[in-house]
Amino acid sequence: MMHAPVRRLCSAMLPVLALCLTACASRPLAPPGALPPVLLPPPPSLGTPLPPVSYSQTAAERIRSWHDRLMATPLMRAPSETPGR
């Protein structure tokens, strides 16, 4: 036998489930052909200079710097004796 609050909760969840399912089953407002085309920025010109250092190398240096600063904190340098502290 279900208690009254559980029965109310179940009876409230059924209409919500039905609304969610009908919302998922409804048609989209605009067909895909009616949407505006996606405008992309122009590609960089051949005269645009390349950066002196690659993105990957810059990212690796930043990550290494962040890791060194993190490991320099007292908590990361010497783990505590008891877990959770």
Protein backbone atom coordinates (compact mmCIF):
# COMPACT_ATOMS: atom_id res chain seq x y z
CA MET A 1 0.00 0.00 0.00
CA MET A 2 1.45 3.34 -1.04
CA HIS A 3 1.40 6.31 1.30
CA ALA A 4 -0.54 9.42 0.30
CA PRO A 5 2.52 11.63 -0.46
CA VAL A 6 4.02 8.95 -2.71
CA ARG A 7 0.75 8.50 -4.54
CA ARG A 8 0.48 12.29 -5.07
CA LEU A 9 4.03 12.42 -6.37
CA CYS A 10 3.39 9.59 -8.83
CA SER A 11 0.15 11.17 -10.00
CA ALA A 12 1.97 14.49 -10.56
CA MET A 13 4.81 12.83 -12.47
CA LEU A 14 2.57 11.13 -15.03
CA PRO A 15 1.23 14.35 -16.63
CA VAL A 16 4.74 15.81 -16.67
CA LEU A 17 6.01 12.72 -18.46
CA ALA A 18 3.16 12.92 -20.96
CA LEU A 19 3.91 16.61 -21.66
CA CYS A 20 7.59 15.89 -22.17
CA LEU A 21 6.87 13.08 -24.59
CA THR A 22 4.41 15.14 -26.63
CA ALA A 23 6.86 18.06 -26.75
CA CYS A 24 9.58 15.75 -28.10
CA ALA A 25 7.21 14.32 -30.69
CA SER A 26 6.01 17.68 -32.02
CA ARG A 27 7.27 19.08 -35.31
CA PRO A 28 9.91 21.83 -35.39
CA LEU A 29 8.62 25.35 -35.93
CA ALA A 30 10.57 26.01 -39.13
CA PRO A 31 11.68 23.42 -41.67
CA PRO A 32 15.46 23.24 -42.15
CA GLY A 33 15.21 24.77 -45.65
CA ALA A 34 13.63 27.94 -44.24
CA LEU A 35 16.54 28.66 -41.90
CA PRO A 36 19.03 31.35 -42.96
CA PRO A 37 22.36 30.09 -44.29
CA VAL A 38 25.34 30.04 -41.96
CA LEU A 39 27.79 32.81 -42.78
CA LEU A 40 31.41 31.90 -42.20
CA PRO A 41 34.16 34.48 -41.77
CA PRO A 42 36.53 34.84 -44.71
CA PRO A 43 39.67 32.71 -44.61
CA PRO A 44 42.87 34.49 -43.59
CA SER A 45 44.79 36.05 -46.43
CA LEU A 46 48.11 34.69 -47.56
CA GLY A 47 49.71 37.90 -46.33
CA THR A 48 48.65 37.25 -42.71
CA PRO A 49 51.83 36.45 -40.78
CA LEU A 50 52.00 33.17 -38.89
CA PRO A 51 52.55 33.34 -35.13
CA PRO A 52 56.19 32.88 -34.08
CA VAL A 53 55.30 29.95 -31.77
CA SER A 54 52.72 27.26 -32.50
CA TYR A 55 49.49 27.09 -30.53
CA SER A 56 50.37 23.62 -29.21
CA GLN A 57 53.71 24.78 -27.84
CA THR A 58 52.14 27.84 -26.19
CA ALA A 59 49.39 25.70 -24.66
CA ALA A 60 51.92 23.16 -23.37
CA GLU A 61 53.97 25.92 -21.73
CA ARG A 62 50.87 27.41 -20.08
CA ILE A 63 49.74 24.01 -18.80
CA ARG A 64 53.23 23.28 -17.46
CA SER A 65 53.31 26.68 -15.72
CA TRP A 66 49.85 26.06 -14.20
CA HIS A 67 50.92 22.59 -13.05
CA ASP A 68 54.09 23.95 -11.43
CA ARG A 69 52.11 26.63 -9.56
CA LEU A 70 49.56 24.03 -8.44
CA MET A 71 52.24 21.67 -7.17
CA ALA A 72 53.89 24.55 -5.28
CA THR A 73 50.86 24.93 -3.01
CA PRO A 74 51.33 23.38 0.46
CA LEU A 75 48.39 21.01 0.06
CA MET A 76 49.74 19.50 -3.16
CA ARG A 77 53.37 19.47 -2.04
CA ALA A 78 52.87 17.36 1.10
CA PRO A 79 49.72 15.24 1.19
CA SER A 80 48.06 15.09 4.56
CA GLU A 81 48.40 12.09 6.81
CA THR A 82 44.66 11.53 7.10
CA PRO A 83 42.39 11.36 4.08
CA GLY A 84 39.87 14.18 3.76
CA ARG A 85 41.93 16.76 5.60
